[in-house]
Amino acid sequence: MEKLISEFSLGLFFWQSAIFIGLLFLLKKFAWKPILSAVNERESSIKDALEAAKEARAEMESLQSDNQRILKEARAEKEALLKEARNTKAEIIASAKEEAQQEAQKILSQAQAAIQNEKRAAINELKEQVGSIALDIAEKVLKNELEHKDKQMQLVNQLLEDTDLE
């Protein structure tokens, strides 16, 4: 029986080996190439993806550095604009102050001139009034003194004496 079992095992081994070799041959002929090509395609797609990721990372770093540079330039430009705006504001304020001072000086000069004119006019009017009052007073005094004939003669004589005809 042992012989039978050993022949049976040997036959079984032969057929299993033949089936295995046939299966390997079939796999090599039909499945091995597609499996290897799929694995190779997958490997190349992974390599391509890694390369694309490296390129994307490099591009992203380049973009970040560009963004940083642009941001610095924008900040510098903003500072320059703010400085220019401050300078312009200071110039406008200084100009407005100067114009206001000139206008105030002009108004003050005009007011002083108007005051001087009013003062002269008041003095002239006062002189006229004083002169008019003095004439009225002189007229009344002379009327009183010249009412009598002897007083008139006395006044004429006195005036002739006071005047020097030489």
C-alpha atoms as a PDB file:
ATOM      1  CA  MET A   1       0.000   0.000   0.000  1.00  0.00           C
ATOM      2  CA  GLU A   2       2.831   2.088   0.581  1.00  0.00           C
ATOM      3  CA  LYS A   3       3.889   1.583  -2.908  1.00  0.00           C
ATOM      4  CA  LEU A   4       0.500   2.593  -4.110  1.00  0.00           C
ATOM      5  CA  ILE A   5       0.543   5.666  -1.940  1.00  0.00           C
ATOM      6  CA  SER A   6       4.001   6.513  -3.102  1.00  0.00           C
ATOM      7  CA  GLU A   7       3.000   6.072  -6.781  1.00  0.00           C
ATOM      8  CA  PHE A   8      -0.142   8.032  -6.151  1.00  0.00           C
ATOM      9  CA  SER A   9       1.896  10.803  -4.444  1.00  0.00           C
ATOM     10  CA  LEU A  10       4.398  10.760  -7.250  1.00  0.00           C
ATOM     11  CA  GLY A  11       1.617  11.008  -9.835  1.00  0.00           C
ATOM     12  CA  LEU A  12      -0.073  13.712  -7.843  1.00  0.00           C
ATOM     13  CA  PHE A  13       3.194  15.582  -7.588  1.00  0.00           C
ATOM     14  CA  PHE A  14       3.714  15.263 -11.346  1.00  0.00           C
ATOM     15  CA  TRP A  15       0.266  16.519 -12.176  1.00  0.00           C
ATOM     16  CA  GLN A  16       0.435  19.325  -9.647  1.00  0.00           C
ATOM     17  CA  SER A  17       3.813  20.363 -11.053  1.00  0.00           C
ATOM     18  CA  ALA A  18       2.473  20.164 -14.617  1.00  0.00           C
ATOM     19  CA  ILE A  19      -0.576  22.221 -13.667  1.00  0.00           C
ATOM     20  CA  PHE A  20       1.635  24.707 -11.805  1.00  0.00           C
ATOM     21  CA  ILE A  21       4.027  25.029 -14.775  1.00  0.00           C
ATOM     22  CA  GLY A  22       1.062  25.358 -17.133  1.00  0.00           C
ATOM     23  CA  LEU A  23      -0.435  27.984 -14.872  1.00  0.00           C
ATOM     24  CA  LEU A  24       2.883  29.831 -14.779  1.00  0.00           C
ATOM     25  CA  PHE A  25       3.098  29.621 -18.569  1.00  0.00           C
ATOM     26  CA  LEU A  26      -0.472  30.919 -18.936  1.00  0.00           C
ATOM     27  CA  LEU A  27       0.166  33.653 -16.393  1.00  0.00           C
ATOM     28  CA  LYS A  28       3.379  34.628 -18.160  1.00  0.00           C
ATOM     29  CA  LYS A  29       1.702  34.591 -21.552  1.00  0.00           C
ATOM     30  CA  PHE A  30      -1.517  36.401 -20.634  1.00  0.00           C
ATOM     31  CA  ALA A  31      -1.409  37.936 -17.151  1.00  0.00           C
ATOM     32  CA  TRP A  32       2.226  38.626 -16.298  1.00  0.00           C
ATOM     33  CA  LYS A  33       2.764  41.305 -18.975  1.00  0.00           C
ATOM     34  CA  PRO A  34      -0.447  43.214 -18.150  1.00  0.00           C
ATOM     35  CA  ILE A  35       0.271  42.974 -14.410  1.00  0.00           C
ATOM     36  CA  LEU A  36       3.874  44.137 -14.896  1.00  0.00           C
ATOM     37  CA  SER A  37       2.806  46.877 -17.271  1.00  0.00           C
ATOM     38  CA  ALA A  38       0.124  47.991 -14.777  1.00  0.00           C
ATOM     39  CA  VAL A  39       2.693  47.974 -11.969  1.00  0.00           C
ATOM     40  CA  ASN A  40       5.177  49.860 -14.193  1.00  0.00           C
ATOM     41  CA  GLU A  41       2.487  52.365 -15.176  1.00  0.00           C
ATOM     42  CA  ARG A  42       1.539  52.818 -11.546  1.00  0.00           C
ATOM     43  CA  GLU A  43       5.202  53.279 -10.606  1.00  0.00           C
ATOM     44  CA  SER A  44       5.747  55.827 -13.389  1.00  0.00           C
ATOM     45  CA  SER A  45       2.537  57.677 -12.470  1.00  0.00           C
ATOM     46  CA  ILE A  46       3.710  57.808  -8.838  1.00  0.00           C
ATOM     47  CA  LYS A  47       7.119  59.113  -9.998  1.00  0.00           C
ATOM     48  CA  ASP A  48       5.386  61.668 -12.223  1.00  0.00           C
ATOM     49  CA  ALA A  49       3.124  62.693  -9.357  1.00  0.00           C
ATOM     50  CA  LEU A  50       6.139  63.100  -7.063  1.00  0.00           C
ATOM     51  CA  GLU A  51       7.920  65.170  -9.716  1.00  0.00           C
ATOM     52  CA  ALA A  52       4.790  67.263 -10.214  1.00  0.00           C
ATOM     53  CA  ALA A  53       4.531  67.722  -6.440  1.00  0.00           C
ATOM     54  CA  LYS A  54       8.194  68.823  -6.290  1.00  0.00           C
ATOM     55  CA  GLU A  55       7.624  71.228  -9.155  1.00  0.00           C
ATOM     56  CA  ALA A  56       4.445  72.507  -7.514  1.00  0.00           C
ATOM     57  CA  ARG A  57       6.302  72.969  -4.224  1.00  0.00           C
ATOM     58  CA  ALA A  58       9.110  74.808  -6.004  1.00  0.00           C
ATOM     59  CA  GLU A  59       6.580  76.960  -7.854  1.00  0.00           C
ATOM     60  CA  MET A  60       4.695  77.601  -4.630  1.00  0.00           C
ATOM     61  CA  GLU A  61       7.911  78.677  -2.905  1.00  0.00           C
ATOM     62  CA  SER A  62       8.695  80.909  -5.867  1.00  0.00           C
ATOM     63  CA  LEU A  63       5.196  82.385  -5.708  1.00  0.00           C
ATOM     64  CA  GLN A  64       5.531  82.903  -1.966  1.00  0.00           C
ATOM     65  CA  SER A  65       8.820  84.730  -2.428  1.00  0.00           C
ATOM     66  CA  ASP A  66       7.233  86.788  -5.217  1.00  0.00           C
ATOM     67  CA  ASN A  67       4.265  87.507  -2.942  1.00  0.00           C
ATOM     68  CA  GLN A  68       6.616  88.572  -0.154  1.00  0.00           C
ATOM     69  CA  ARG A  69       8.525  90.835  -2.544  1.00  0.00           C
ATOM     70  CA  ILE A  70       5.288  92.329  -3.907  1.00  0.00           C
ATOM     71  CA  LEU A  71       3.993  92.800  -0.355  1.00  0.00           C
ATOM     72  CA  LYS A  72       7.214  94.587   0.654  1.00  0.00           C
ATOM     73  CA  GLU A  73       6.991  96.793  -2.433  1.00  0.00           C
ATOM     74  CA  ALA A  74       3.341  97.557  -1.673  1.00  0.00           C
ATOM     75  CA  ARG A  75       4.211  98.455   1.919  1.00  0.00           C
ATOM     76  CA  ALA A  76       7.059 100.678   0.770  1.00  0.00           C
ATOM     77  CA  GLU A  77       4.775 102.366  -1.758  1.00  0.00           C
ATOM     78  CA  LYS A  78       2.089 102.806   0.911  1.00  0.00           C
ATOM     79  CA  GLU A  79       4.643 104.421   3.238  1.00  0.00           C
ATOM     80  CA  ALA A  80       5.843 106.696   0.439  1.00  0.00           C
ATOM     81  CA  LEU A  81       2.263 107.724  -0.346  1.00  0.00           C
ATOM     82  CA  LEU A  82       1.519 108.364   3.333  1.00  0.00           C
ATOM     83  CA  LYS A  83       4.690 110.432   3.665  1.00  0.00           C
ATOM     84  CA  GLU A  84       3.778 112.412   0.570  1.00  0.00           C
ATOM     85  CA  ALA A  85       0.253 112.914   1.912  1.00  0.00           C
ATOM     86  CA  ARG A  86       1.632 114.142   5.251  1.00  0.00           C
ATOM     87  CA  ASN A  87       3.977 116.554   3.467  1.00  0.00           C
ATOM     88  CA  THR A  88       1.167 117.812   1.264  1.00  0.00           C
ATOM     89  CA  LYS A  89      -1.056 118.255   4.327  1.00  0.00           C
ATOM     90  CA  ALA A  90       1.687 120.229   6.102  1.00  0.00           C
ATOM     91  CA  GLU A  91       2.214 122.398   3.014  1.00  0.00           C
ATOM     92  CA  ILE A  92      -1.516 123.067   2.682  1.00  0.00           C
ATOM     93  CA  ILE A  93      -1.791 123.966   6.378  1.00  0.00           C
ATOM     94  CA  ALA A  94       1.257 126.244   6.185  1.00  0.00           C
ATOM     95  CA  SER A  95      -0.087 127.890   3.047  1.00  0.00           C
ATOM     96  CA  ALA A  96      -3.512 128.374   4.638  1.00  0.00           C
ATOM     97  CA  LYS A  97      -1.916 129.873   7.768  1.00  0.00           C
ATOM     98  CA  GLU A  98       0.188 132.224   5.674  1.00  0.00           C
ATOM     99  CA  GLU A  99      -2.820 133.296   3.613  1.00  0.00           C
ATOM    100  CA  ALA A 100      -4.840 133.815   6.796  1.00  0.00           C
ATOM    101  CA  GLN A 101      -2.051 135.924   8.305  1.00  0.00           C
ATOM    102  CA  GLN A 102      -1.786 137.985   5.124  1.00  0.00           C
ATOM    103  CA  GLU A 103      -5.558 138.445   5.027  1.00  0.00           C
ATOM    104  CA  ALA A 104      -5.603 139.389   8.726  1.00  0.00           C
ATOM    105  CA  GLN A 105      -2.760 141.869   8.145  1.00  0.00           C
ATOM    106  CA  LYS A 106      -4.617 143.321   5.164  1.00  0.00           C
ATOM    107  CA  ILE A 107      -7.833 143.670   7.185  1.00  0.00           C
ATOM    108  CA  LEU A 108      -5.888 145.195  10.075  1.00  0.00           C
ATOM    109  CA  SER A 109      -4.195 147.694   7.719  1.00  0.00           C
ATOM    110  CA  GLN A 110      -7.546 148.587   6.172  1.00  0.00           C
ATOM    111  CA  ALA A 111      -9.074 149.004   9.628  1.00  0.00           C
ATOM    112  CA  GLN A 112      -6.191 151.236  10.758  1.00  0.00           C
ATOM    113  CA  ALA A 113      -6.516 153.320   7.588  1.00  0.00           C
ATOM    114  CA  ALA A 114     -10.285 153.596   8.134  1.00  0.00           C
ATOM    115  CA  ILE A 115      -9.681 154.624  11.761  1.00  0.00           C
ATOM    116  CA  GLN A 116      -7.159 157.285  10.649  1.00  0.00           C
ATOM    117  CA  ASN A 117      -9.600 158.586   8.033  1.00  0.00           C
ATOM    118  CA  GLU A 118     -12.436 158.684  10.568  1.00  0.00           C
ATOM    119  CA  LYS A 119     -10.118 160.410  13.072  1.00  0.00           C
ATOM    120  CA  ARG A 120      -9.121 163.066  10.520  1.00  0.00           C
ATOM    121  CA  ALA A 121     -12.737 163.566   9.530  1.00  0.00           C
ATOM    122  CA  ALA A 122     -13.748 163.894  13.199  1.00  0.00           C
ATOM    123  CA  ILE A 123     -10.903 166.367  13.861  1.00  0.00           C
ATOM    124  CA  ASN A 124     -11.847 168.419  10.794  1.00  0.00           C
ATOM    125  CA  GLU A 125     -15.488 168.408  11.840  1.00  0.00           C
ATOM    126  CA  LEU A 126     -14.477 169.395  15.364  1.00  0.00           C
ATOM    127  CA  LYS A 127     -12.316 172.225  13.994  1.00  0.00           C
ATOM    128  CA  GLU A 128     -15.213 173.426  11.867  1.00  0.00           C
ATOM    129  CA  GLN A 129     -17.571 173.301  14.839  1.00  0.00           C
ATOM    130  CA  VAL A 130     -15.036 175.070  17.088  1.00  0.00           C
ATOM    131  CA  GLY A 131     -14.469 177.692  14.373  1.00  0.00           C
ATOM    132  CA  SER A 132     -18.196 178.147  13.932  1.00  0.00           C
ATOM    133  CA  ILE A 133     -18.723 178.453  17.687  1.00  0.00           C
ATOM    134  CA  ALA A 134     -15.797 180.896  17.936  1.00  0.00           C
ATOM    135  CA  LEU A 135     -17.280 183.031  15.146  1.00  0.00           C
ATOM    136  CA  ASP A 136     -20.690 182.974  16.828  1.00  0.00           C
ATOM    137  CA  ILE A 137     -19.114 184.004  20.131  1.00  0.00           C
ATOM    138  CA  ALA A 138     -17.012 186.723  18.452  1.00  0.00           C
ATOM    139  CA  GLU A 139     -20.041 187.981  16.588  1.00  0.00           C
ATOM    140  CA  LYS A 140     -22.084 188.219  19.801  1.00  0.00           C
ATOM    141  CA  VAL A 141     -19.221 189.913  21.674  1.00  0.00           C
ATOM    142  CA  LEU A 142     -18.666 192.440  18.890  1.00  0.00           C
ATOM    143  CA  LYS A 143     -22.372 193.131  18.665  1.00  0.00           C
ATOM    144  CA  ASN A 144     -22.513 193.915  22.355  1.00  0.00           C
ATOM    145  CA  GLU A 145     -19.421 196.085  22.231  1.00  0.00           C
ATOM    146  CA  LEU A 146     -20.311 197.902  19.070  1.00  0.00           C
ATOM    147  CA  GLU A 147     -23.807 198.861  20.081  1.00  0.00           C
ATOM    148  CA  HIS A 148     -22.637 202.181  21.282  1.00  0.00           C
ATOM    149  CA  LYS A 149     -20.960 204.700  19.034  1.00  0.00           C
ATOM    150  CA  ASP A 150     -18.223 205.672  21.439  1.00  0.00           C
ATOM    151  CA  LYS A 151     -17.246 202.051  21.976  1.00  0.00           C
ATOM    152  CA  GLN A 152     -16.981 201.591  18.185  1.00  0.00           C
ATOM    153  CA  MET A 153     -14.685 204.561  17.905  1.00  0.00           C
ATOM    154  CA  GLN A 154     -12.576 203.379  20.785  1.00  0.00           C
ATOM    155  CA  LEU A 155     -12.181 199.945  19.127  1.00  0.00           C
ATOM    156  CA  VAL A 156     -11.204 201.466  15.770  1.00  0.00           C
ATOM    157  CA  ASN A 157      -8.656 203.676  17.423  1.00  0.00           C
ATOM    158  CA  GLN A 158      -7.185 200.807  19.343  1.00  0.00           C
ATOM    159  CA  LEU A 159      -6.931 198.709  16.180  1.00  0.00           C
ATOM    160  CA  LEU A 160      -5.212 201.575  14.376  1.00  0.00           C
ATOM    161  CA  GLU A 161      -2.715 201.927  17.148  1.00  0.00           C
ATOM    162  CA  ASP A 162      -2.014 198.233  17.224  1.00  0.00           C
ATOM    163  CA  THR A 163      -1.329 198.184  13.516  1.00  0.00           C
ATOM    164  CA  ASP A 164       1.989 199.516  12.500  1.00  0.00           C
ATOM    165  CA  LEU A 165       1.794 201.354   9.197  1.00  0.00           C
ATOM    166  CA  GLU A 166       5.475 201.882   8.826  1.00  0.00           C
END
